[in-house]
């Protein structure tokens, strides 16, 4: 099972509309929904099933993306897409560091003669 997923509005809208949203917690242990995506889905007047259901599910974790990654900002995407990709980059870096920090320490010790 993949530990963490960052989800954009389109998959959430489609999954809630098709009554398949419960697939997400079966596939991922943590489902992150950036504020920009959450706000897009639940905006006043939104006619999506997701607008009503997203705030009530226990598995969706709303996250604040403090800054858009410079690489992503150059792509001129919408706020939701930019937030998802920036959070995904951050999550990937955290995952990479968490997974490989021991190997990195061993490698640097070997290279430094330690």
Protein backbone atom coordinates (compact mmCIF):
# COMPACT_ATOMS: atom_id res chain seq x y z
CA UNK A 1 0.00 0.00 0.00
CA UNK A 2 1.24 3.50 -0.83
CA UNK A 3 1.42 5.58 2.30
CA UNK A 4 0.48 9.03 1.12
CA UNK A 5 -1.39 10.61 -1.79
CA UNK A 6 -2.03 14.24 -2.67
CA UNK A 7 -5.33 14.53 -4.52
CA UNK A 8 -6.60 17.14 -6.97
CA UNK A 9 -10.24 18.19 -7.39
CA UNK A 10 -11.11 16.24 -10.56
CA UNK A 11 -10.46 12.76 -9.13
CA UNK A 12 -12.30 13.66 -5.92
CA UNK A 13 -15.31 15.04 -7.81
CA UNK A 14 -15.43 11.97 -10.08
CA UNK A 15 -15.03 9.48 -7.23
CA UNK A 16 -17.69 11.10 -5.05
CA UNK A 17 -20.08 11.42 -8.03
CA UNK A 18 -19.66 7.72 -8.86
CA UNK A 19 -19.92 6.76 -5.18
CA UNK A 20 -16.43 5.28 -5.31
CA UNK A 21 -14.61 7.72 -3.01
CA UNK A 22 -14.06 5.00 -0.41
CA UNK A 23 -11.51 3.48 -2.78
CA UNK A 24 -9.02 6.16 -1.72
CA UNK A 25 -8.55 5.01 1.90
CA UNK A 26 -8.31 1.44 0.64
CA UNK A 27 -5.38 2.42 -1.57
CA UNK A 28 -3.62 5.01 0.61
CA UNK A 29 -3.08 5.35 4.34
CA UNK A 30 -3.05 9.15 4.16
CA UNK A 31 -4.98 11.28 1.67
CA UNK A 32 -3.91 14.92 1.56
CA UNK A 33 -6.20 17.57 0.08
CA UNK A 34 -4.56 21.00 -0.28
CA UNK A 35 -6.63 24.00 0.88
CA UNK A 36 -6.94 25.32 -2.69
CA UNK A 37 -8.47 22.01 -3.82
CA UNK A 38 -10.72 21.77 -0.76
CA UNK A 39 -11.96 25.34 -1.31
CA UNK A 40 -12.55 24.70 -5.02
CA UNK A 41 -14.69 21.65 -4.29
CA UNK A 42 -16.66 23.11 -1.38
CA UNK A 43 -17.12 26.66 -2.75
CA UNK A 44 -20.56 28.14 -2.07
CA UNK A 45 -22.90 27.12 -4.84
CA UNK A 46 -20.82 24.10 -5.89
CA UNK A 47 -23.14 21.41 -7.23
CA UNK A 48 -20.78 18.46 -6.74
CA UNK A 49 -21.57 15.49 -4.52
CA UNK A 50 -18.03 16.05 -3.27
CA UNK A 51 -18.99 19.53 -2.01
CA UNK A 52 -21.28 17.96 0.57
CA UNK A 53 -19.42 14.72 1.27
CA UNK A 54 -15.75 15.79 1.38
CA UNK A 55 -16.00 17.74 4.66
CA UNK A 56 -17.63 14.76 6.40
CA UNK A 57 -15.24 11.94 5.46
CA UNK A 58 -12.68 10.99 8.08
CA UNK A 59 -9.93 9.97 5.68
CA UNK A 60 -9.37 13.28 3.85
CA UNK A 61 -6.78 15.48 5.55
CA UNK A 62 -6.91 19.13 4.57
CA UNK A 63 -3.41 20.60 4.32
CA UNK A 64 -2.10 24.10 3.90
CA UNK A 65 0.48 24.49 1.15
CA UNK A 66 2.55 27.39 2.37
CA UNK A 67 4.34 28.12 -0.90
CA UNK A 68 4.11 27.02 -4.50
CA UNK A 69 7.34 25.34 -5.63
CA UNK A 70 9.24 27.61 -8.05
CA UNK A 71 9.36 24.80 -10.63
CA UNK A 72 5.58 24.49 -10.50
CA UNK A 73 4.92 28.25 -10.56
CA UNK A 74 6.52 28.52 -14.01
CA UNK A 75 3.89 26.14 -15.46
CA UNK A 76 1.07 28.71 -15.02
CA UNK A 77 -1.44 26.21 -13.63
CA UNK A 78 -4.51 26.86 -11.51
CA UNK A 79 -4.18 27.26 -7.76
CA UNK A 80 -5.42 23.73 -7.01
CA UNK A 81 -3.09 22.02 -9.46
CA UNK A 82 -0.15 24.14 -8.30
CA UNK A 83 -0.86 23.29 -4.67
CA UNK A 84 -1.17 19.56 -5.41
CA UNK A 85 2.10 19.41 -7.33
CA UNK A 86 3.95 21.52 -4.76
CA UNK A 87 2.71 19.33 -1.91
CA UNK A 88 3.57 16.20 -3.89
CA UNK A 89 7.12 17.46 -4.43
CA UNK A 90 7.46 18.19 -0.73
CA UNK A 91 5.97 14.80 0.19
CA UNK A 92 8.31 13.03 -2.23
CA UNK A 93 11.32 14.79 -0.72
CA UNK A 94 10.20 13.92 2.80
CA UNK A 95 9.56 10.32 1.76
CA UNK A 96 12.88 10.08 -0.02
CA UNK A 97 14.77 11.50 2.94
CA UNK A 98 12.95 9.29 5.41
CA UNK A 99 13.49 6.16 3.36
CA UNK A 100 17.11 6.70 2.39
CA UNK A 101 18.64 8.68 5.24
CA UNK A 102 20.31 5.60 6.73
CA UNK A 103 21.78 4.57 3.39
CA UNK A 104 22.97 8.15 2.81
CA UNK A 105 24.64 8.23 6.22
CA UNK A 106 26.38 4.94 5.50
CA UNK A 107 27.52 6.15 2.09
CA UNK A 108 28.88 9.45 3.41
CA UNK A 109 30.69 7.63 6.20
CA UNK A 110 32.29 5.28 3.69
CA UNK A 111 33.29 8.13 1.35
CA UNK A 112 34.72 10.22 4.16
CA UNK A 113 36.70 7.26 5.46
CA UNK A 114 34.62 7.16 8.67
